[in-house]
Amino acid sequence: IIAQMGITDMRLPIQYAFAYPDRWDAPVPFLDL
């Protein structure tokens, strides 16, 4: 099972769609497991 995890902030999926297929630094806190 492959899971995608992250904080609950819609800026992350929005930025992913804008940047795709690249990835950019994000203006959100990182998930602290």
PDB file of all heavy atoms in Angstrom:
ATOM      1  N   ILE A   1       0.853  -1.188   0.000  1.00  0.00           N
ATOM      2  CA  ILE A   1       0.000   0.000   0.000  1.00  0.00           C
ATOM      3  C   ILE A   1       0.887   1.237   0.000  1.00  0.00           C
ATOM      4  O   ILE A   1       1.756   1.396   0.865  1.00  0.00           O
ATOM      5  CB  ILE A   1      -0.945   0.026   1.220  1.00  0.00           C
ATOM      6  CG1 ILE A   1      -1.959  -1.118   1.117  1.00  0.00           C
ATOM      7  CG2 ILE A   1      -1.673   1.364   1.312  1.00  0.00           C
ATOM      8  CD1 ILE A   1      -2.926  -1.193   2.276  1.00  0.00           C
ATOM      9  N   ILE A   2       0.670   2.094  -0.985  1.00  0.00           N
ATOM     10  CA  ILE A   2       1.390   3.359  -1.093  1.00  0.00           C
ATOM     11  C   ILE A   2       0.455   4.461  -0.620  1.00  0.00           C
ATOM     12  O   ILE A   2      -0.659   4.604  -1.141  1.00  0.00           O
ATOM     13  CB  ILE A   2       1.823   3.641  -2.547  1.00  0.00           C
ATOM     14  CG1 ILE A   2       2.523   2.421  -3.153  1.00  0.00           C
ATOM     15  CG2 ILE A   2       2.704   4.882  -2.611  1.00  0.00           C
ATOM     16  CD1 ILE A   2       3.794   2.028  -2.455  1.00  0.00           C
ATOM     17  N   ALA A   3       0.872   5.245   0.362  1.00  0.00           N
ATOM     18  CA  ALA A   3       0.032   6.302   0.925  1.00  0.00           C
ATOM     19  C   ALA A   3       0.688   7.658   0.713  1.00  0.00           C
ATOM     20  O   ALA A   3       1.922   7.777   0.740  1.00  0.00           O
ATOM     21  CB  ALA A   3      -0.192   6.062   2.415  1.00  0.00           C
ATOM     22  N   GLN A   4      -0.126   8.676   0.529  1.00  0.00           N
ATOM     23  CA  GLN A   4       0.369  10.050   0.488  1.00  0.00           C
ATOM     24  C   GLN A   4      -0.076  10.730   1.771  1.00  0.00           C
ATOM     25  O   GLN A   4      -1.255  10.750   2.107  1.00  0.00           O
ATOM     26  CB  GLN A   4      -0.166  10.808  -0.732  1.00  0.00           C
ATOM     27  CG  GLN A   4       0.501  12.159  -0.976  1.00  0.00           C
ATOM     28  CD  GLN A   4      -0.206  13.315  -0.275  1.00  0.00           C
ATOM     29  OE1 GLN A   4      -1.409  13.281  -0.091  1.00  0.00           O
ATOM     30  NE2 GLN A   4       0.549  14.332   0.102  1.00  0.00           N
ATOM     31  N   MET A   5       0.871  11.277   2.495  1.00  0.00           N
ATOM     32  CA  MET A   5       0.595  11.904   3.786  1.00  0.00           C
ATOM     33  C   MET A   5       1.031  13.354   3.748  1.00  0.00           C
ATOM     34  O   MET A   5       1.923  13.738   2.994  1.00  0.00           O
ATOM     35  CB  MET A   5       1.338  11.164   4.911  1.00  0.00           C
ATOM     36  CG  MET A   5       1.038   9.677   4.972  1.00  0.00           C
ATOM     37  SD  MET A   5       2.146   8.783   6.097  1.00  0.00           S
ATOM     38  CE  MET A   5       1.656   9.457   7.670  1.00  0.00           C
ATOM     39  N   GLY A   6       0.411  14.160   4.581  1.00  0.00           N
ATOM     40  CA  GLY A   6       0.780  15.566   4.666  1.00  0.00           C
ATOM     41  C   GLY A   6      -0.157  16.305   5.593  1.00  0.00           C
ATOM     42  O   GLY A   6      -1.178  15.754   6.039  1.00  0.00           O
ATOM     43  N   ILE A   7       0.163  17.549   5.880  1.00  0.00           N
ATOM     44  CA  ILE A   7      -0.720  18.345   6.720  1.00  0.00           C
ATOM     45  C   ILE A   7      -1.992  18.678   5.942  1.00  0.00           C
ATOM     46  O   ILE A   7      -2.042  18.551   4.717  1.00  0.00           O
ATOM     47  CB  ILE A   7      -0.028  19.641   7.195  1.00  0.00           C
ATOM     48  CG1 ILE A   7       0.289  20.551   6.000  1.00  0.00           C
ATOM     49  CG2 ILE A   7       1.238  19.332   7.969  1.00  0.00           C
ATOM     50  CD1 ILE A   7       0.710  21.939   6.417  1.00  0.00           C
ATOM     51  N   THR A   8      -3.026  19.088   6.653  1.00  0.00           N
ATOM     52  CA  THR A   8      -4.304  19.416   6.018  1.00  0.00           C
ATOM     53  C   THR A   8      -4.272  20.869   5.556  1.00  0.00           C
ATOM     54  O   THR A   8      -4.716  21.771   6.258  1.00  0.00           O
ATOM     55  CB  THR A   8      -5.465  19.188   6.997  1.00  0.00           C
ATOM     56  OG1 THR A   8      -5.207  19.914   8.206  1.00  0.00           O
ATOM     57  CG2 THR A   8      -5.621  17.726   7.322  1.00  0.00           C
ATOM     58  N   ASP A   9      -3.766  21.075   4.354  1.00  0.00           N
ATOM     59  CA  ASP A   9      -3.656  22.409   3.774  1.00  0.00           C
ATOM     60  C   ASP A   9      -3.832  22.293   2.270  1.00  0.00           C
ATOM     61  O   ASP A   9      -3.033  21.635   1.591  1.00  0.00           O
ATOM     62  CB  ASP A   9      -2.288  23.018   4.106  1.00  0.00           C
ATOM     63  CG  ASP A   9      -2.228  24.516   3.814  1.00  0.00           C
ATOM     64  OD1 ASP A   9      -2.700  24.920   2.726  1.00  0.00           O
ATOM     65  OD2 ASP A   9      -1.712  25.259   4.658  1.00  0.00           O
ATOM     66  N   MET A  10      -4.884  22.907   1.718  1.00  0.00           N
ATOM     67  CA  MET A  10      -5.185  22.761   0.300  1.00  0.00           C
ATOM     68  C   MET A  10      -4.153  23.415  -0.596  1.00  0.00           C
ATOM     69  O   MET A  10      -4.132  23.171  -1.809  1.00  0.00           O
ATOM     70  CB  MET A  10      -6.570  23.333  -0.002  1.00  0.00           C
ATOM     71  CG  MET A  10      -7.721  22.431   0.401  1.00  0.00           C
ATOM     72  SD  MET A  10      -7.592  20.754  -0.295  1.00  0.00           S
ATOM     73  CE  MET A  10      -7.668  21.116  -2.048  1.00  0.00           C
ATOM     74  N   ARG A  11      -3.270  24.229  -0.035  1.00  0.00           N
ATOM     75  CA  ARG A  11      -2.225  24.813  -0.873  1.00  0.00           C
ATOM     76  C   ARG A  11      -1.286  23.751  -1.436  1.00  0.00           C
ATOM     77  O   ARG A  11      -0.711  23.954  -2.516  1.00  0.00           O
ATOM     78  CB  ARG A  11      -1.441  25.851  -0.066  1.00  0.00           C
ATOM     79  CG  ARG A  11      -2.229  27.119   0.222  1.00  0.00           C
ATOM     80  CD  ARG A  11      -1.461  28.081   1.097  1.00  0.00           C
ATOM     81  NE  ARG A  11      -1.260  27.539   2.441  1.00  0.00           N
ATOM     82  CZ  ARG A  11      -0.585  28.176   3.403  1.00  0.00           C
ATOM     83  NH1 ARG A  11      -0.049  29.367   3.154  1.00  0.00           N
ATOM     84  NH2 ARG A  11      -0.462  27.642   4.601  1.00  0.00           N
ATOM     85  N   LEU A  12      -1.151  22.622  -0.727  1.00  0.00           N
ATOM     86  CA  LEU A  12      -0.252  21.573  -1.209  1.00  0.00           C
ATOM     87  C   LEU A  12      -0.752  20.922  -2.496  1.00  0.00           C
ATOM     88  O   LEU A  12      -0.015  20.854  -3.486  1.00  0.00           O
ATOM     89  CB  LEU A  12      -0.030  20.533  -0.111  1.00  0.00           C
ATOM     90  CG  LEU A  12       0.850  20.995   1.053  1.00  0.00           C
ATOM     91  CD1 LEU A  12       0.861  19.957   2.160  1.00  0.00           C
ATOM     92  CD2 LEU A  12       2.265  21.277   0.579  1.00  0.00           C
ATOM     93  N   PRO A  13      -1.994  20.402  -2.563  1.00  0.00           N
ATOM     94  CA  PRO A  13      -2.452  19.836  -3.839  1.00  0.00           C
ATOM     95  C   PRO A  13      -2.596  20.866  -4.949  1.00  0.00           C
ATOM     96  O   PRO A  13      -2.376  20.545  -6.116  1.00  0.00           O
ATOM     97  CB  PRO A  13      -3.803  19.188  -3.480  1.00  0.00           C
ATOM     98  CG  PRO A  13      -4.214  19.810  -2.201  1.00  0.00           C
ATOM     99  CD  PRO A  13      -2.965  20.150  -1.477  1.00  0.00           C
ATOM    100  N   ILE A  14      -2.944  22.099  -4.595  1.00  0.00           N
ATOM    101  CA  ILE A  14      -3.031  23.151  -5.615  1.00  0.00           C
ATOM    102  C   ILE A  14      -1.652  23.403  -6.217  1.00  0.00           C
ATOM    103  O   ILE A  14      -1.486  23.474  -7.447  1.00  0.00           O
ATOM    104  CB  ILE A  14      -3.611  24.445  -5.014  1.00  0.00           C
ATOM    105  CG1 ILE A  14      -5.076  24.251  -4.634  1.00  0.00           C
ATOM    106  CG2 ILE A  14      -3.472  25.605  -6.006  1.00  0.00           C
ATOM    107  CD1 ILE A  14      -5.631  25.354  -3.756  1.00  0.00           C
ATOM    108  N   GLN A  15      -0.654  23.534  -5.360  1.00  0.00           N
ATOM    109  CA  GLN A  15       0.705  23.776  -5.857  1.00  0.00           C
ATOM    110  C   GLN A  15       1.203  22.595  -6.677  1.00  0.00           C
ATOM    111  O   GLN A  15       1.890  22.777  -7.693  1.00  0.00           O
ATOM    112  CB  GLN A  15       1.650  24.045  -4.685  1.00  0.00           C
ATOM    113  CG  GLN A  15       3.091  24.288  -5.136  1.00  0.00           C
ATOM    114  CD  GLN A  15       3.994  24.690  -3.995  1.00  0.00           C
ATOM    115  OE1 GLN A  15       3.773  25.724  -3.361  1.00  0.00           O
ATOM    116  NE2 GLN A  15       5.012  23.879  -3.724  1.00  0.00           N
ATOM    117  N   TYR A  16       0.872  21.372  -6.262  1.00  0.00           N
ATOM    118  CA  TYR A  16       1.274  20.189  -7.025  1.00  0.00           C
ATOM    119  C   TYR A  16       0.730  20.263  -8.446  1.00  0.00           C
ATOM    120  O   TYR A  16       1.437  19.962  -9.415  1.00  0.00           O
ATOM    121  CB  TYR A  16       0.772  18.927  -6.317  1.00  0.00           C
ATOM    122  CG  TYR A  16       1.057  17.642  -7.053  1.00  0.00           C
ATOM    123  CD1 TYR A  16       2.283  16.991  -6.921  1.00  0.00           C
ATOM    124  CD2 TYR A  16       0.095  17.054  -7.878  1.00  0.00           C
ATOM    125  CE1 TYR A  16       2.548  15.800  -7.591  1.00  0.00           C
ATOM    126  CE2 TYR A  16       0.345  15.876  -8.555  1.00  0.00           C
ATOM    127  CZ  TYR A  16       1.573  15.252  -8.409  1.00  0.00           C
ATOM    128  OH  TYR A  16       1.819  14.075  -9.086  1.00  0.00           O
ATOM    129  N   ALA A  17      -0.550  20.652  -8.580  1.00  0.00           N
ATOM    130  CA  ALA A  17      -1.153  20.748  -9.910  1.00  0.00           C
ATOM    131  C   ALA A  17      -0.519  21.859 -10.739  1.00  0.00           C
ATOM    132  O   ALA A  17      -0.287  21.700 -11.945  1.00  0.00           O
ATOM    133  CB  ALA A  17      -2.656  20.987  -9.777  1.00  0.00           C
ATOM    134  N   PHE A  18      -0.218  22.981 -10.108  1.00  0.00           N
ATOM    135  CA  PHE A  18       0.424  24.083 -10.832  1.00  0.00           C
ATOM    136  C   PHE A  18       1.848  23.720 -11.251  1.00  0.00           C
ATOM    137  O   PHE A  18       2.304  24.083 -12.338  1.00  0.00           O
ATOM    138  CB  PHE A  18       0.464  25.339  -9.961  1.00  0.00           C
ATOM    139  CG  PHE A  18      -0.848  26.071  -9.858  1.00  0.00           C
ATOM    140  CD1 PHE A  18      -1.016  27.080  -8.916  1.00  0.00           C
ATOM    141  CD2 PHE A  18      -1.909  25.777 -10.694  1.00  0.00           C
ATOM    142  CE1 PHE A  18      -2.218  27.774  -8.814  1.00  0.00           C
ATOM    143  CE2 PHE A  18      -3.119  26.450 -10.607  1.00  0.00           C
ATOM    144  CZ  PHE A  18      -3.267  27.462  -9.652  1.00  0.00           C
ATOM    145  N   ALA A  19       2.575  23.021 -10.390  1.00  0.00           N
ATOM    146  CA  ALA A  19       3.985  22.736 -10.643  1.00  0.00           C
ATOM    147  C   ALA A  19       4.206  21.499 -11.510  1.00  0.00           C
ATOM    148  O   ALA A  19       5.265  21.353 -12.131  1.00  0.00           O
ATOM    149  CB  ALA A  19       4.721  22.546  -9.319  1.00  0.00           C
ATOM    150  N   TYR A  20       3.232  20.603 -11.559  1.00  0.00           N
ATOM    151  CA  TYR A  20       3.399  19.298 -12.215  1.00  0.00           C
ATOM    152  C   TYR A  20       4.007  19.426 -13.611  1.00  0.00           C
ATOM    153  O   TYR A  20       3.612  20.303 -14.385  1.00  0.00           O
ATOM    154  CB  TYR A  20       2.035  18.605 -12.305  1.00  0.00           C
ATOM    155  CG  TYR A  20       2.104  17.196 -12.843  1.00  0.00           C
ATOM    156  CD1 TYR A  20       2.464  16.145 -12.028  1.00  0.00           C
ATOM    157  CD2 TYR A  20       1.829  16.949 -14.184  1.00  0.00           C
ATOM    158  CE1 TYR A  20       2.531  14.851 -12.521  1.00  0.00           C
ATOM    159  CE2 TYR A  20       1.897  15.661 -14.687  1.00  0.00           C
ATOM    160  CZ  TYR A  20       2.249  14.621 -13.857  1.00  0.00           C
ATOM    161  OH  TYR A  20       2.334  13.343 -14.359  1.00  0.00           O
ATOM    162  N   PRO A  21       5.001  18.575 -13.930  1.00  0.00           N
ATOM    163  CA  PRO A  21       5.513  17.419 -13.177  1.00  0.00           C
ATOM    164  C   PRO A  21       6.635  17.740 -12.199  1.00  0.00           C
ATOM    165  O   PRO A  21       7.267  16.825 -11.676  1.00  0.00           O
ATOM    166  CB  PRO A  21       6.022  16.511 -14.296  1.00  0.00           C
ATOM    167  CG  PRO A  21       6.528  17.470 -15.328  1.00  0.00           C
ATOM    168  CD  PRO A  21       5.600  18.655 -15.275  1.00  0.00           C
ATOM    169  N   ASP A  22       6.913  19.019 -11.977  1.00  0.00           N
ATOM    170  CA  ASP A  22       7.965  19.404 -11.034  1.00  0.00           C
ATOM    171  C   ASP A  22       7.402  19.509  -9.618  1.00  0.00           C
ATOM    172  O   ASP A  22       6.189  19.450  -9.406  1.00  0.00           O
ATOM    173  CB  ASP A  22       8.576  20.743 -11.448  1.00  0.00           C
ATOM    174  CG  ASP A  22       9.226  20.686 -12.831  1.00  0.00           C
ATOM    175  OD1 ASP A  22       9.767  19.618 -13.179  1.00  0.00           O
ATOM    176  OD2 ASP A  22       9.160  21.693 -13.554  1.00  0.00           O
ATOM    177  N   ARG A  23       8.288  19.692  -8.667  1.00  0.00           N
ATOM    178  CA  ARG A  23       7.888  19.988  -7.283  1.00  0.00           C
ATOM    179  C   ARG A  23       8.628  21.234  -6.819  1.00  0.00           C
ATOM    180  O   ARG A  23       9.807  21.409  -7.120  1.00  0.00           O
ATOM    181  CB  ARG A  23       8.194  18.813  -6.345  1.00  0.00           C
ATOM    182  CG  ARG A  23       7.239  17.635  -6.510  1.00  0.00           C
ATOM    183  CD  ARG A  23       7.438  16.607  -5.413  1.00  0.00           C
ATOM    184  NE  ARG A  23       6.610  15.433  -5.630  1.00  0.00           N
ATOM    185  CZ  ARG A  23       5.421  15.240  -5.089  1.00  0.00           C
ATOM    186  NH1 ARG A  23       4.918  16.152  -4.277  1.00  0.00           N
ATOM    187  NH2 ARG A  23       4.732  14.132  -5.331  1.00  0.00           N
ATOM    188  N   TRP A  24       7.895  22.078  -6.090  1.00  0.00           N
ATOM    189  CA  TRP A  24       8.464  23.309  -5.576  1.00  0.00           C
ATOM    190  C   TRP A  24       8.438  23.289  -4.045  1.00  0.00           C
ATOM    191  O   TRP A  24       7.678  22.547  -3.433  1.00  0.00           O
ATOM    192  CB  TRP A  24       7.643  24.519  -6.035  1.00  0.00           C
ATOM    193  CG  TRP A  24       7.511  24.685  -7.518  1.00  0.00           C
ATOM    194  CD1 TRP A  24       8.348  24.205  -8.493  1.00  0.00           C
ATOM    195  CD2 TRP A  24       6.469  25.389  -8.203  1.00  0.00           C
ATOM    196  NE1 TRP A  24       7.895  24.574  -9.732  1.00  0.00           N
ATOM    197  CE2 TRP A  24       6.753  25.302  -9.594  1.00  0.00           C
ATOM    198  CE3 TRP A  24       5.334  26.091  -7.800  1.00  0.00           C
ATOM    199  CZ2 TRP A  24       5.944  25.896 -10.567  1.00  0.00           C
ATOM    200  CZ3 TRP A  24       4.526  26.693  -8.750  1.00  0.00           C
ATOM    201  CH2 TRP A  24       4.825  26.594 -10.118  1.00  0.00           C
ATOM    202  N   ASP A  25       9.259  24.148  -3.446  1.00  0.00           N
ATOM    203  CA  ASP A  25       9.145  24.369  -2.003  1.00  0.00           C
ATOM    204  C   ASP A  25       7.742  24.897  -1.706  1.00  0.00           C
ATOM    205  O   ASP A  25       7.166  25.638  -2.511  1.00  0.00           O
ATOM    206  CB  ASP A  25      10.181  25.390  -1.532  1.00  0.00           C
ATOM    207  CG  ASP A  25      11.609  24.859  -1.632  1.00  0.00           C
ATOM    208  OD1 ASP A  25      11.764  23.625  -1.651  1.00  0.00           O
ATOM    209  OD2 ASP A  25      12.541  25.681  -1.712  1.00  0.00           O
ATOM    210  N   ALA A  26       7.210  24.523  -0.551  1.00  0.00           N
ATOM    211  CA  ALA A  26       5.839  24.912  -0.209  1.00  0.00           C
ATOM    212  C   ALA A  26       5.814  25.836   1.006  1.00  0.00           C
ATOM    213  O   ALA A  26       6.614  25.674   1.930  1.00  0.00           O
ATOM    214  CB  ALA A  26       4.998  23.670   0.077  1.00  0.00           C
ATOM    215  N   PRO A  27       4.873  26.798   1.019  1.00  0.00           N
ATOM    216  CA  PRO A  27       4.788  27.759   2.130  1.00  0.00           C
ATOM    217  C   PRO A  27       3.976  27.218   3.299  1.00  0.00           C
ATOM    218  O   PRO A  27       3.126  27.906   3.864  1.00  0.00           O
ATOM    219  CB  PRO A  27       4.076  28.941   1.471  1.00  0.00           C
ATOM    220  CG  PRO A  27       3.147  28.302   0.492  1.00  0.00           C
ATOM    221  CD  PRO A  27       3.878  27.086  -0.033  1.00  0.00           C
ATOM    222  N   VAL A  28       4.205  25.965   3.680  1.00  0.00           N
ATOM    223  CA  VAL A  28       3.425  25.333   4.751  1.00  0.00           C
ATOM    224  C   VAL A  28       4.379  24.582   5.677  1.00  0.00           C
ATOM    225  O   VAL A  28       5.484  24.207   5.269  1.00  0.00           O
ATOM    226  CB  VAL A  28       2.380  24.353   4.174  1.00  0.00           C
ATOM    227  CG1 VAL A  28       1.385  25.079   3.286  1.00  0.00           C
ATOM    228  CG2 VAL A  28       3.051  23.220   3.399  1.00  0.00           C
ATOM    229  N   PRO A  29       3.968  24.317   6.917  1.00  0.00           N
ATOM    230  CA  PRO A  29       4.809  23.511   7.810  1.00  0.00           C
ATOM    231  C   PRO A  29       4.908  22.080   7.311  1.00  0.00           C
ATOM    232  O   PRO A  29       3.986  21.559   6.692  1.00  0.00           O
ATOM    233  CB  PRO A  29       4.052  23.571   9.145  1.00  0.00           C
ATOM    234  CG  PRO A  29       3.067  24.687   9.008  1.00  0.00           C
ATOM    235  CD  PRO A  29       2.731  24.792   7.569  1.00  0.00           C
ATOM    236  N   PHE A  30       6.027  21.437   7.578  1.00  0.00           N
ATOM    237  CA  PHE A  30       6.172  20.030   7.229  1.00  0.00           C
ATOM    238  C   PHE A  30       5.467  19.165   8.279  1.00  0.00           C
ATOM    239  O   PHE A  30       5.289  19.577   9.425  1.00  0.00           O
ATOM    240  CB  PHE A  30       7.650  19.649   7.140  1.00  0.00           C
ATOM    241  CG  PHE A  30       8.326  20.127   5.877  1.00  0.00           C
ATOM    242  CD1 PHE A  30       7.711  21.027   5.022  1.00  0.00           C
ATOM    243  CD2 PHE A  30       9.587  19.678   5.543  1.00  0.00           C
ATOM    244  CE1 PHE A  30       8.324  21.460   3.872  1.00  0.00           C
ATOM    245  CE2 PHE A  30      10.225  20.106   4.382  1.00  0.00           C
ATOM    246  CZ  PHE A  30       9.591  21.006   3.550  1.00  0.00           C
ATOM    247  N   LEU A  31       5.075  17.985   7.877  1.00  0.00           N
ATOM    248  CA  LEU A  31       4.422  17.042   8.783  1.00  0.00           C
ATOM    249  C   LEU A  31       5.455  16.443   9.739  1.00  0.00           C
ATOM    250  O   LEU A  31       6.459  15.889   9.304  1.00  0.00           O
ATOM    251  CB  LEU A  31       3.742  15.932   7.976  1.00  0.00           C
ATOM    252  CG  LEU A  31       3.051  14.825   8.772  1.00  0.00           C
ATOM    253  CD1 LEU A  31       1.885  15.390   9.563  1.00  0.00           C
ATOM    254  CD2 LEU A  31       2.574  13.720   7.841  1.00  0.00           C
ATOM    255  N   ASP A  32       5.189  16.554  11.026  1.00  0.00           N
ATOM    256  CA  ASP A  32       6.076  15.995  12.054  1.00  0.00           C
ATOM    257  C   ASP A  32       5.463  14.678  12.537  1.00  0.00           C
ATOM    258  O   ASP A  32       4.525  14.668  13.338  1.00  0.00           O
ATOM    259  CB  ASP A  32       6.218  16.982  13.215  1.00  0.00           C
ATOM    260  CG  ASP A  32       7.213  16.498  14.272  1.00  0.00           C
ATOM    261  OD1 ASP A  32       7.689  15.347  14.161  1.00  0.00           O
ATOM    262  OD2 ASP A  32       7.488  17.261  15.220  1.00  0.00           O
ATOM    263  N   LEU A  33       5.990  13.565  12.049  1.00  0.00           N
ATOM    264  CA  LEU A  33       5.427  12.261  12.389  1.00  0.00           C
ATOM    265  C   LEU A  33       5.557  11.929  13.874  1.00  0.00           C
ATOM    266  O   LEU A  33       4.752  11.171  14.417  1.00  0.00           O
ATOM    267  CB  LEU A  33       6.113  11.170  11.560  1.00  0.00           C
ATOM    268  CG  LEU A  33       5.801  11.188  10.059  1.00  0.00           C
ATOM    269  CD1 LEU A  33       6.656  10.157   9.340  1.00  0.00           C
ATOM    270  CD2 LEU A  33       4.331  10.916   9.806  1.00  0.00           C
TER     271      LEU A  33
END
